[in-house]
Amino acid sequence: MRLTLWTDYSLRVLMHCAACEATGRRATIADMARMYGVSRHHLTKVVVALVHGGWLRGQRGRGGGLRLARPAADIRVGDVIRWAERDFELVACMGPGGEEACLLMPGCRLRVALNAALRAYLGVLDGYTLADLVPVGTVPAATVLPLQPVRPAANQNPAG
């Protein structure tokens, strides 16, 4: 299963905010957009959704910025992923009415196996909180990896 870029950005924004809080700072969209190398406009959409979703609180003006809506130790990674992802239908038959469209039914057990795998996947992520992902004392810049693929320069050999 591959997470969407939206979910990736959502998790990293929350991680960045957790790291900022641990150092007594407020996160800003401008700083995150610059660090991640993504458009401020796109990151603003993610942040607005996180605020409306109850994950972040924002404050405008001087001394403003973003902060977590609740402690990092209370934010389960699995919950964030369930909120951010829109499609957990790993195969067509997992969607509404999909069972009727399956040519292998009633004998096909793929849907059962994939549902069990999805529950296990999310169950593992439920065992982690945002605090687990951002160790105490982590500075915001060290919390994240570039969101865009890092490619070797044209004159470098990627194999080493």
N, C-alpha and C. Protein backbone atom coordinates (compact mmCIF):
# COMPACT_ATOMS: atom_id res chain seq x y z
N MET A 1 0.85 -1.17 0.00
CA MET A 1 0.00 0.00 0.00
C MET A 1 0.89 1.23 0.00
N ARG A 2 0.53 2.18 -0.81
CA ARG A 2 1.30 3.42 -0.90
C ARG A 2 0.42 4.57 -0.41
N LEU A 3 0.98 5.37 0.50
CA LEU A 3 0.25 6.53 0.99
C LEU A 3 0.29 7.64 -0.06
N THR A 4 -0.76 8.43 -0.08
CA THR A 4 -0.81 9.56 -1.01
C THR A 4 0.15 10.65 -0.54
N LEU A 5 0.50 11.53 -1.45
CA LEU A 5 1.35 12.67 -1.11
C LEU A 5 0.65 13.55 -0.08
N TRP A 6 -0.67 13.63 -0.16
CA TRP A 6 -1.46 14.40 0.82
C TRP A 6 -1.21 13.87 2.23
N THR A 7 -1.25 12.56 2.38
CA THR A 7 -1.03 11.95 3.69
C THR A 7 0.41 12.16 4.14
N ASP A 8 1.35 12.02 3.22
CA ASP A 8 2.75 12.25 3.53
C ASP A 8 2.95 13.67 4.04
N TYR A 9 2.41 14.66 3.34
CA TYR A 9 2.53 16.05 3.77
C TYR A 9 1.85 16.25 5.13
N SER A 10 0.69 15.65 5.31
CA SER A 10 -0.04 15.80 6.58
C SER A 10 0.80 15.29 7.74
N LEU A 11 1.37 14.11 7.59
CA LEU A 11 2.19 13.54 8.66
C LEU A 11 3.42 14.40 8.92
N ARG A 12 4.06 14.86 7.88
CA ARG A 12 5.28 15.64 8.06
C ARG A 12 5.00 17.03 8.65
N VAL A 13 3.87 17.62 8.29
CA VAL A 13 3.49 18.90 8.91
C VAL A 13 3.27 18.68 10.40
N LEU A 14 2.56 17.62 10.77
CA LEU A 14 2.33 17.33 12.18
C LEU A 14 3.64 17.05 12.91
N MET A 15 4.54 16.31 12.26
CA MET A 15 5.84 16.03 12.87
C MET A 15 6.63 17.33 13.07
N HIS A 16 6.59 18.18 12.07
CA HIS A 16 7.30 19.46 12.16
C HIS A 16 6.74 20.29 13.32
N CYS A 17 5.43 20.34 13.42
CA CYS A 17 4.80 21.10 14.51
C CYS A 17 5.17 20.51 15.87
N ALA A 18 5.23 19.19 15.96
CA ALA A 18 5.62 18.55 17.22
C ALA A 18 7.06 18.91 17.58
N ALA A 19 7.95 18.92 16.60
CA ALA A 19 9.34 19.28 16.85
C ALA A 19 9.46 20.74 17.27
N CYS A 20 8.69 21.61 16.63
CA CYS A 20 8.71 23.02 17.01
C CYS A 20 8.23 23.21 18.44
N GLU A 21 7.16 22.52 18.80
CA GLU A 21 6.64 22.66 20.16
C GLU A 21 7.64 22.19 21.19
N ALA A 22 8.38 21.13 20.86
CA ALA A 22 9.38 20.61 21.79
C ALA A 22 10.49 21.62 22.04
N THR A 23 10.69 22.55 21.10
CA THR A 23 11.73 23.57 21.26
C THR A 23 11.13 24.93 21.61
N GLY A 24 9.82 24.98 21.84
CA GLY A 24 9.17 26.22 22.25
C GLY A 24 8.87 27.18 21.11
N ARG A 25 8.95 26.70 19.87
CA ARG A 25 8.68 27.56 18.72
C ARG A 25 7.32 27.23 18.12
N ARG A 26 6.83 28.14 17.29
CA ARG A 26 5.62 27.87 16.51
C ARG A 26 6.03 27.61 15.08
N ALA A 27 5.37 26.68 14.44
CA ALA A 27 5.66 26.35 13.04
C ALA A 27 4.95 27.36 12.14
N THR A 28 5.52 27.61 10.98
CA THR A 28 4.86 28.45 9.99
C THR A 28 4.84 27.74 8.65
N ILE A 29 3.83 28.06 7.87
CA ILE A 29 3.70 27.47 6.53
C ILE A 29 4.89 27.89 5.67
N ALA A 30 5.29 29.13 5.78
CA ALA A 30 6.41 29.62 4.97
C ALA A 30 7.69 28.82 5.26
N ASP A 31 7.99 28.60 6.52
CA ASP A 31 9.19 27.83 6.87
C ASP A 31 9.10 26.40 6.35
N MET A 32 7.95 25.77 6.52
CA MET A 32 7.80 24.38 6.06
C MET A 32 7.89 24.30 4.55
N ALA A 33 7.25 25.21 3.85
CA ALA A 33 7.29 25.20 2.38
C ALA A 33 8.72 25.36 1.89
N ARG A 34 9.48 26.22 2.53
CA ARG A 34 10.87 26.43 2.15
C ARG A 34 11.70 25.18 2.46
N MET A 35 11.52 24.60 3.63
CA MET A 35 12.29 23.40 4.00
C MET A 35 11.96 22.21 3.12
N TYR A 36 10.67 22.01 2.83
CA TYR A 36 10.25 20.84 2.06
C TYR A 36 10.41 21.05 0.55
N GLY A 37 10.55 22.29 0.13
CA GLY A 37 10.64 22.55 -1.30
C GLY A 37 9.32 22.33 -2.02
N VAL A 38 8.21 22.63 -1.33
CA VAL A 38 6.89 22.51 -1.95
C VAL A 38 6.23 23.88 -1.98
N SER A 39 5.23 24.01 -2.82
CA SER A 39 4.57 25.31 -2.94
C SER A 39 3.85 25.66 -1.64
N ARG A 40 3.96 26.92 -1.30
CA ARG A 40 3.28 27.42 -0.10
C ARG A 40 1.77 27.25 -0.24
N HIS A 41 1.27 27.47 -1.45
CA HIS A 41 -0.16 27.34 -1.72
C HIS A 41 -0.65 25.91 -1.43
N HIS A 42 0.09 24.92 -1.91
CA HIS A 42 -0.33 23.53 -1.69
C HIS A 42 -0.23 23.17 -0.21
N LEU A 43 0.83 23.58 0.45
CA LEU A 43 0.99 23.29 1.86
C LEU A 43 -0.09 23.98 2.69
N THR A 44 -0.52 25.16 2.25
CA THR A 44 -1.60 25.86 2.94
C THR A 44 -2.88 25.03 2.92
N LYS A 45 -3.17 24.39 1.79
CA LYS A 45 -4.35 23.52 1.70
C LYS A 45 -4.27 22.38 2.71
N VAL A 46 -3.11 21.79 2.83
CA VAL A 46 -2.93 20.69 3.79
C VAL A 46 -3.13 21.21 5.21
N VAL A 47 -2.52 22.34 5.52
CA VAL A 47 -2.61 22.90 6.87
C VAL A 47 -4.06 23.28 7.20
N VAL A 48 -4.76 23.90 6.27
CA VAL A 48 -6.17 24.27 6.51
C VAL A 48 -6.99 23.02 6.81
N ALA A 49 -6.76 21.95 6.05
CA ALA A 49 -7.48 20.69 6.30
C ALA A 49 -7.13 20.13 7.67
N LEU A 50 -5.86 20.21 8.06
CA LEU A 50 -5.46 19.72 9.38
C LEU A 50 -6.10 20.54 10.50
N VAL A 51 -6.24 21.83 10.29
CA VAL A 51 -6.92 22.68 11.28
C VAL A 51 -8.40 22.30 11.35
N HIS A 52 -9.05 22.18 10.20
CA HIS A 52 -10.47 21.80 10.19
C HIS A 52 -10.68 20.39 10.72
N GLY A 53 -9.70 19.53 10.53
CA GLY A 53 -9.79 18.16 11.03
C GLY A 53 -9.52 18.03 12.52
N GLY A 54 -9.13 19.13 13.16
CA GLY A 54 -8.90 19.11 14.60
C GLY A 54 -7.50 18.64 14.99
N TRP A 55 -6.57 18.59 14.05
CA TRP A 55 -5.20 18.14 14.34
C TRP A 55 -4.29 19.30 14.73
N LEU A 56 -4.55 20.48 14.17
CA LEU A 56 -3.73 21.67 14.41
C LEU A 56 -4.58 22.83 14.86
N ARG A 57 -3.91 23.79 15.48
CA ARG A 57 -4.51 25.09 15.78
C ARG A 57 -3.60 26.15 15.17
N GLY A 58 -4.22 27.13 14.58
CA GLY A 58 -3.44 28.20 13.96
C GLY A 58 -3.75 29.53 14.62
N GLN A 59 -2.75 30.38 14.66
CA GLN A 59 -2.91 31.72 15.21
C GLN A 59 -2.26 32.69 14.24
N ARG A 60 -3.03 33.68 13.81
CA ARG A 60 -2.53 34.68 12.87
C ARG A 60 -1.79 35.79 13.60
N GLY A 61 -1.04 36.53 12.82
CA GLY A 61 -0.41 37.74 13.35
C GLY A 61 0.94 37.50 13.99
N ARG A 62 1.44 38.58 14.55
CA ARG A 62 2.76 38.54 15.20
C ARG A 62 2.74 37.51 16.34
N GLY A 63 3.72 36.68 16.36
CA GLY A 63 3.78 35.65 17.39
C GLY A 63 2.87 34.48 17.09
N GLY A 64 2.25 34.50 15.93
CA GLY A 64 1.34 33.43 15.55
C GLY A 64 2.08 32.24 14.98
N GLY A 65 1.34 31.34 14.44
CA GLY A 65 1.90 30.14 13.86
C GLY A 65 1.00 28.95 14.10
N LEU A 66 1.56 27.79 13.91
CA LEU A 66 0.80 26.55 14.04
C LEU A 66 1.28 25.76 15.24
N ARG A 67 0.33 25.10 15.88
CA ARG A 67 0.68 24.19 16.97
C ARG A 67 -0.30 23.02 16.94
N LEU A 68 0.10 21.95 17.57
CA LEU A 68 -0.76 20.77 17.63
C LEU A 68 -2.00 21.08 18.46
N ALA A 69 -3.12 20.50 18.08
CA ALA A 69 -4.36 20.73 18.81
C ALA A 69 -4.40 19.92 20.11
N ARG A 70 -3.56 18.89 20.19
CA ARG A 70 -3.45 18.10 21.42
C ARG A 70 -2.02 17.57 21.50
N PRO A 71 -1.62 17.05 22.64
CA PRO A 71 -0.23 16.60 22.78
C PRO A 71 0.14 15.53 21.75
N ALA A 72 1.41 15.58 21.32
CA ALA A 72 1.91 14.63 20.32
C ALA A 72 1.73 13.19 20.78
N ALA A 73 1.81 12.95 22.06
CA ALA A 73 1.66 11.59 22.59
C ALA A 73 0.22 11.08 22.47
N ASP A 74 -0.72 11.97 22.20
CA ASP A 74 -2.13 11.58 22.05
C ASP A 74 -2.56 11.45 20.59
N ILE A 75 -1.66 11.68 19.67
CA ILE A 75 -2.00 11.61 18.24
C ILE A 75 -1.43 10.33 17.66
N ARG A 76 -2.32 9.36 17.38
CA ARG A 76 -1.88 8.08 16.82
C ARG A 76 -1.71 8.21 15.31
N VAL A 77 -0.61 7.66 14.82
CA VAL A 77 -0.30 7.73 13.40
C VAL A 77 -1.40 7.07 12.57
N GLY A 78 -1.93 5.93 13.03
CA GLY A 78 -3.00 5.25 12.31
C GLY A 78 -4.23 6.12 12.15
N ASP A 79 -4.55 6.90 13.18
CA ASP A 79 -5.71 7.80 13.10
C ASP A 79 -5.50 8.89 12.05
N VAL A 80 -4.28 9.42 11.99
CA VAL A 80 -3.98 10.46 10.99
C VAL A 80 -4.12 9.86 9.59
N ILE A 81 -3.62 8.66 9.40
CA ILE A 81 -3.69 8.04 8.08
C ILE A 81 -5.14 7.74 7.71
N ARG A 82 -5.93 7.24 8.64
CA ARG A 82 -7.36 7.00 8.35
C ARG A 82 -8.06 8.30 7.96
N TRP A 83 -7.69 9.39 8.62
CA TRP A 83 -8.29 10.69 8.32
C TRP A 83 -7.85 11.21 6.95
N ALA A 84 -6.57 11.07 6.65
CA ALA A 84 -6.02 11.68 5.43
C ALA A 84 -6.29 10.87 4.17
N GLU A 85 -6.27 9.57 4.27
CA GLU A 85 -6.45 8.73 3.09
C GLU A 85 -7.94 8.66 2.74
N ARG A 86 -8.23 8.71 1.48
CA ARG A 86 -9.61 8.68 1.03
C ARG A 86 -10.01 7.32 0.46
N ASP A 87 -9.03 6.47 0.19
CA ASP A 87 -9.33 5.22 -0.51
C ASP A 87 -8.56 4.05 0.10
N PHE A 88 -9.27 3.22 0.81
CA PHE A 88 -8.67 1.99 1.35
C PHE A 88 -9.15 0.77 0.59
N GLU A 89 -9.72 0.98 -0.58
CA GLU A 89 -10.16 -0.14 -1.43
C GLU A 89 -8.95 -0.64 -2.20
N LEU A 90 -8.29 -1.64 -1.65
CA LEU A 90 -7.05 -2.14 -2.24
C LEU A 90 -7.29 -2.82 -3.58
N VAL A 91 -8.46 -3.40 -3.76
CA VAL A 91 -8.88 -3.98 -5.03
C VAL A 91 -10.34 -3.61 -5.24
N ALA A 92 -10.81 -3.71 -6.47
CA ALA A 92 -12.16 -3.25 -6.84
C ALA A 92 -13.26 -3.89 -5.99
N CYS A 93 -13.09 -5.16 -5.64
CA CYS A 93 -14.17 -5.84 -4.92
C CYS A 93 -14.31 -5.37 -3.47
N MET A 94 -13.39 -4.52 -3.00
CA MET A 94 -13.50 -4.00 -1.64
C MET A 94 -14.41 -2.78 -1.57
N GLY A 95 -14.80 -2.25 -2.74
CA GLY A 95 -15.67 -1.09 -2.77
C GLY A 95 -17.14 -1.48 -2.67
N PRO A 96 -18.01 -0.48 -2.58
CA PRO A 96 -19.44 -0.75 -2.51
C PRO A 96 -19.90 -1.49 -3.77
N GLY A 97 -20.58 -2.58 -3.59
CA GLY A 97 -21.10 -3.36 -4.71
C GLY A 97 -20.04 -4.16 -5.44
N GLY A 98 -18.82 -4.11 -4.95
CA GLY A 98 -17.72 -4.80 -5.62
C GLY A 98 -17.84 -6.31 -5.61
N GLU A 99 -18.43 -6.82 -4.56
CA GLU A 99 -18.56 -8.28 -4.43
C GLU A 99 -19.39 -8.84 -5.58
N GLU A 100 -20.43 -8.10 -5.98
CA GLU A 100 -21.29 -8.57 -7.07
C GLU A 100 -20.56 -8.54 -8.41
N ALA A 101 -19.57 -7.66 -8.55
CA ALA A 101 -18.84 -7.53 -9.80
C ALA A 101 -17.73 -8.58 -9.95
N CYS A 102 -17.39 -9.24 -8.87
CA CYS A 102 -16.30 -10.21 -8.90
C CYS A 102 -16.75 -11.48 -9.61
N LEU A 103 -16.00 -11.87 -10.63
CA LEU A 103 -16.32 -13.06 -11.39
C LEU A 103 -15.99 -14.35 -10.64
N LEU A 104 -15.17 -14.23 -9.61
CA LEU A 104 -14.75 -15.41 -8.86
C LEU A 104 -15.65 -15.71 -7.65
N MET A 105 -16.54 -14.80 -7.32
CA MET A 105 -17.40 -14.99 -6.15
C MET A 105 -18.35 -16.14 -6.41
N PRO A 106 -18.77 -16.86 -5.45
CA PRO A 106 -18.59 -16.65 -4.01
C PRO A 106 -17.33 -17.31 -3.44
N GLY A 107 -16.50 -17.90 -4.25
CA GLY A 107 -15.35 -18.64 -3.72
C GLY A 107 -14.11 -17.82 -3.47
N CYS A 108 -14.04 -16.60 -3.93
CA CYS A 108 -12.82 -15.79 -3.80
C CYS A 108 -12.66 -15.30 -2.36
N ARG A 109 -11.48 -15.49 -1.83
CA ARG A 109 -11.18 -15.05 -0.46
C ARG A 109 -10.15 -13.91 -0.43
N LEU A 110 -9.84 -13.35 -1.60
CA LEU A 110 -8.85 -12.28 -1.67
C LEU A 110 -9.28 -11.09 -0.82
N ARG A 111 -10.53 -10.73 -0.92
CA ARG A 111 -11.03 -9.58 -0.17
C ARG A 111 -10.86 -9.79 1.34
N VAL A 112 -11.11 -10.99 1.80
CA VAL A 112 -10.95 -11.30 3.22
C VAL A 112 -9.48 -11.14 3.64
N ALA A 113 -8.57 -11.66 2.80
CA ALA A 113 -7.15 -11.58 3.12
C ALA A 113 -6.67 -10.13 3.11
N LEU A 114 -7.10 -9.35 2.13
CA LEU A 114 -6.66 -7.95 2.05
C LEU A 114 -7.25 -7.11 3.17
N ASN A 115 -8.47 -7.39 3.57
CA ASN A 115 -9.06 -6.68 4.72
C ASN A 115 -8.27 -6.98 5.98
N ALA A 116 -7.87 -8.24 6.18
CA ALA A 116 -7.08 -8.61 7.35
C ALA A 116 -5.72 -7.90 7.32
N ALA A 117 -5.10 -7.83 6.13
CA ALA A 117 -3.81 -7.16 5.99
C ALA A 117 -3.94 -5.67 6.28
N LEU A 118 -5.01 -5.05 5.80
CA LEU A 118 -5.23 -3.62 6.03
C LEU A 118 -5.44 -3.34 7.52
N ARG A 119 -6.21 -4.18 8.18
CA ARG A 119 -6.40 -4.02 9.63
C ARG A 119 -5.08 -4.16 10.37
N ALA A 120 -4.25 -5.11 9.97
CA ALA A 120 -2.95 -5.31 10.61
C ALA A 120 -2.04 -4.10 10.37
N TYR A 121 -2.02 -3.60 9.15
CA TYR A 121 -1.22 -2.44 8.78
C TYR A 121 -1.59 -1.24 9.64
N LEU A 122 -2.88 -0.94 9.70
CA LEU A 122 -3.33 0.20 10.49
C LEU A 122 -3.14 -0.06 11.98
N GLY A 123 -3.29 -1.31 12.38
CA GLY A 123 -3.08 -1.67 13.79
C GLY A 123 -1.66 -1.40 14.24
N VAL A 124 -0.69 -1.71 13.39
CA VAL A 124 0.71 -1.42 13.72
C VAL A 124 0.90 0.09 13.85
N LEU A 125 0.34 0.86 12.91
CA LEU A 125 0.49 2.31 12.95
C LEU A 125 -0.24 2.92 14.15
N ASP A 126 -1.29 2.26 14.63
CA ASP A 126 -1.97 2.72 15.84
C ASP A 126 -1.07 2.59 17.07
N GLY A 127 -0.06 1.75 16.97
CA GLY A 127 0.88 1.58 18.08
C GLY A 127 1.91 2.69 18.17
N TYR A 128 1.92 3.60 17.21
CA TYR A 128 2.86 4.72 17.21
C TYR A 128 2.11 6.03 17.35
N THR A 129 2.69 6.92 18.12
CA THR A 129 2.14 8.27 18.23
C THR A 129 3.10 9.24 17.57
N LEU A 130 2.63 10.46 17.40
CA LEU A 130 3.48 11.50 16.86
C LEU A 130 4.72 11.70 17.72
N ALA A 131 4.57 11.56 19.03
CA ALA A 131 5.71 11.70 19.94
C ALA A 131 6.76 10.62 19.67
N ASP A 132 6.34 9.44 19.25
CA ASP A 132 7.29 8.38 18.92
C ASP A 132 8.11 8.72 17.68
N LEU A 133 7.52 9.50 16.77
CA LEU A 133 8.19 9.84 15.52
C LEU A 133 9.12 11.04 15.65
N VAL A 134 8.92 11.83 16.70
CA VAL A 134 9.72 13.04 16.90
C VAL A 134 10.33 12.98 18.29
N PRO A 135 11.52 12.41 18.40
CA PRO A 135 12.15 12.30 19.72
C PRO A 135 12.36 13.66 20.38
N VAL A 136 12.31 13.69 21.70
CA VAL A 136 12.51 14.92 22.46
C VAL A 136 13.86 15.51 22.09
N GLY A 137 13.88 16.81 21.87
CA GLY A 137 15.11 17.50 21.53
C GLY A 137 15.40 17.55 20.04
N THR A 138 14.53 16.95 19.22
CA THR A 138 14.72 16.99 17.77
C THR A 138 14.44 18.40 17.29
N VAL A 139 15.33 18.92 16.47
CA VAL A 139 15.09 20.24 15.91
C VAL A 139 14.28 20.07 14.64
N PRO A 140 13.40 21.01 14.31
CA PRO A 140 12.51 20.84 13.16
C PRO A 140 13.20 20.47 11.85
N ALA A 141 14.33 21.08 11.54
CA ALA A 141 14.98 20.80 10.26
C ALA A 141 15.46 19.35 10.20
N ALA A 142 15.77 18.74 11.33
CA ALA A 142 16.25 17.35 11.33
C ALA A 142 15.09 16.36 11.39
N THR A 143 13.87 16.86 11.50
CA THR A 143 12.71 16.00 11.64
C THR A 143 12.26 15.43 10.31
N VAL A 144 12.61 16.08 9.24
CA VAL A 144 12.04 15.72 7.95
C VAL A 144 13.11 15.36 6.94
N LEU A 145 12.70 14.59 5.98
CA LEU A 145 13.51 14.33 4.80
C LEU A 145 12.88 15.11 3.66
N PRO A 146 13.62 15.39 2.61
CA PRO A 146 12.99 16.09 1.48
C PRO A 146 11.80 15.30 0.96
N LEU A 147 10.72 15.99 0.67
CA LEU A 147 9.52 15.31 0.18
C LEU A 147 9.63 15.00 -1.31
N GLN A 148 10.48 15.73 -2.01
CA GLN A 148 10.67 15.45 -3.43
C GLN A 148 11.87 14.52 -3.55
N PRO A 149 11.85 13.60 -4.52
CA PRO A 149 12.98 12.68 -4.64
C PRO A 149 14.29 13.42 -4.85
N VAL A 150 15.29 12.97 -4.16
CA VAL A 150 16.61 13.55 -4.33
C VAL A 150 17.29 12.76 -5.43
N ARG A 151 17.69 13.46 -6.48
CA ARG A 151 18.32 12.80 -7.63
C ARG A 151 19.79 13.22 -7.68
N PRO A 152 20.66 12.25 -8.04
CA PRO A 152 22.07 12.63 -8.15
C PRO A 152 22.27 13.63 -9.28
N ALA A 153 23.28 14.47 -9.14
CA ALA A 153 23.59 15.42 -10.21
C ALA A 153 23.96 14.65 -11.47
N ALA A 154 23.81 15.29 -12.60
CA ALA A 154 24.04 14.63 -13.89
C ALA A 154 25.43 14.03 -14.02
N ASN A 155 26.41 14.64 -13.35
CA ASN A 155 27.77 14.14 -13.46
C ASN A 155 28.14 13.13 -12.37
N GLN A 156 27.19 12.78 -11.50
CA GLN A 156 27.45 11.80 -10.46
C GLN A 156 26.95 10.44 -10.87
N ASN A 157 27.64 9.43 -10.46
CA ASN A 157 27.23 8.06 -10.70
C ASN A 157 26.41 7.60 -9.51
N PRO A 158 25.09 7.31 -9.65
CA PRO A 158 24.26 6.93 -8.52
C PRO A 158 24.70 5.63 -7.87
N ALA A 159 25.44 4.79 -8.59
CA ALA A 159 25.88 3.52 -8.02
C ALA A 159 27.09 3.69 -7.13
N GLY A 160 27.67 4.88 -7.11
CA GLY A 160 28.76 5.13 -6.19
C GLY A 160 30.05 5.20 -6.89
